[in-house]
Amino acid sequence: MGYIRRGLRQQGRYGLFLFLGLVILSLAGCDAPRDSESRAPDPNESFLQKYWSRPLPAQGSPPAHFSPLEASLDPRACGTCHVAQFEDWRKSLHSQAMGPGIMGQLINMSPAATEEHQDCIRCHAPLKEQADSLVAALARGPGKASRAPGEAGPALHEQGLVCAACHMRGYQRYGPPRKDGSKPEPGAQLPHGGWVSETAFGDSRFCAACHQFTNDGYALNGKLLENTYEEWKASRHAREGRTCQSCHMPDRRHQWRGIHDPETVKSGVTIGMTGARVESGTVSAALSIRNTGTGHYFPTYVTPKVVVQAYQEDARGVALQGTLREHIIGWQVSLDLSREIADTRIAPDEQALFDYQAPLHRNAVSVVFHVRVEPDAFYTDFYRDLLDSKQAGSGERLIRQALKDSLKSVFTLYLHREPLPASVHRP
């Protein structure tokens, strides 16, 4: 986590904002976590330590017999045969890992600052060839084409976490064993020479390479900023053999759906409400949210927040002034990441109970509980501050787009109207 120390030494407000962006947008940027050294490494651990040792080396020269398609690192080349996987990836957030929020910051960096680039792209665009592509784009300067002359489609660095980042080292393809357990026939002539079968692709530590800080990583109030793998490891989901891939890559789909996907979030929590009652002029109701299906904290990271609201409503469906009560579920931190404000996340199999109590409004006919998910809440505040302080530099247009995108990600997780008894005494 050397970039934390470098970032803290930067002078000026823009340096601080860029530092924050690299920390938050990097997801983790750490090697696969090491378990206790008191035992011999298992094969998956040994494989992953080498496979995810960053920065990744260049692929080198492709085998002479490879066709241009086989030698390509562009995801569209992979999609020629792996159509379903490519279409899933193309719609996923992994394909957008180098979106306007991160590029809007990188565009202000020097092409020569390759070590600082790695602070970010080691997870967002980890191939050495992507690093080179980024340097070339930065050298052309803001406002110039991001790809080299004659290059078709988006530049490689702009395509985020591409297929080759997870599946290729030295032009050798790697992947999980076949689902049915079968193996290619001896001597079979397979495209790009086939693949090396590794069970590590179904191991949660494969994902931890970018979704877990190491023990010496950046922490707030004694808690690592990115701790998803360890949260999972401590849960019953790990004990029961449900890996990250079980939930985020069901049936090996390359979608990686999470906090941005309403159906995935709904499948991870159970929400219940008690009936509203009125006693002595006070309306009471309660909402419970239990983390029943999420194998880590809900939510796991500082970026999202879940807003629970309860209020009284009149017969026209209008929220009545003075009746709103609100609670935040999330890990709230200061914008400069210097302090923890509150941590109200829900651990696996734990429950949060929200009691609503407010004076009965004379026009109230129902109590409404509304649960809203803001997947990019920290980013939204970060981009706004960056723009308001006029520190976006050459990336202003991209940062404005990133702000718009972050606001579009908000969705309603739960909405329930509970009628109030018609016989209650009105003030």
Foldseek 3Di string as FASTA:
>chain_A
DVLLVVLVPDDDDLSLLLSLLLPVLQLALAQQEDDDPPDDDDPLVVVRNVLLPPLADALPDAPPPADPLLVDQDQVSVCVPVVQQSVLLVPACQQQSLALSNCLSLLPDALPVLVVVSSRCCQFPRHPQLNVLQSVQSVVHFPDQSGDPPDPDHTSVRRTCGPCSLAPHSSAGEDAADPVNDDDDPPDDDHSRDHHHDNSNVAQSSVCRSQDYYPPADDAPNHHQGHFVVLLCPFVCVVVPNHQCVLQQPVNHNNRDDLLDLVSVLVQKDKDKDAWAADPQKIKIKMKIFRAHDSGWVVRHQFKKKKKKKAFAAPVRDGDPPGIDIDIAHFHADLSNPHTDDHRIHRHGGMDMDMGMDGDAQRGFWMKIWMKMQRGRSLLVSLVVCVVVVSSPSSNVSSVVVNVVSVVSMDTNDMDIHTYDPPDDGD
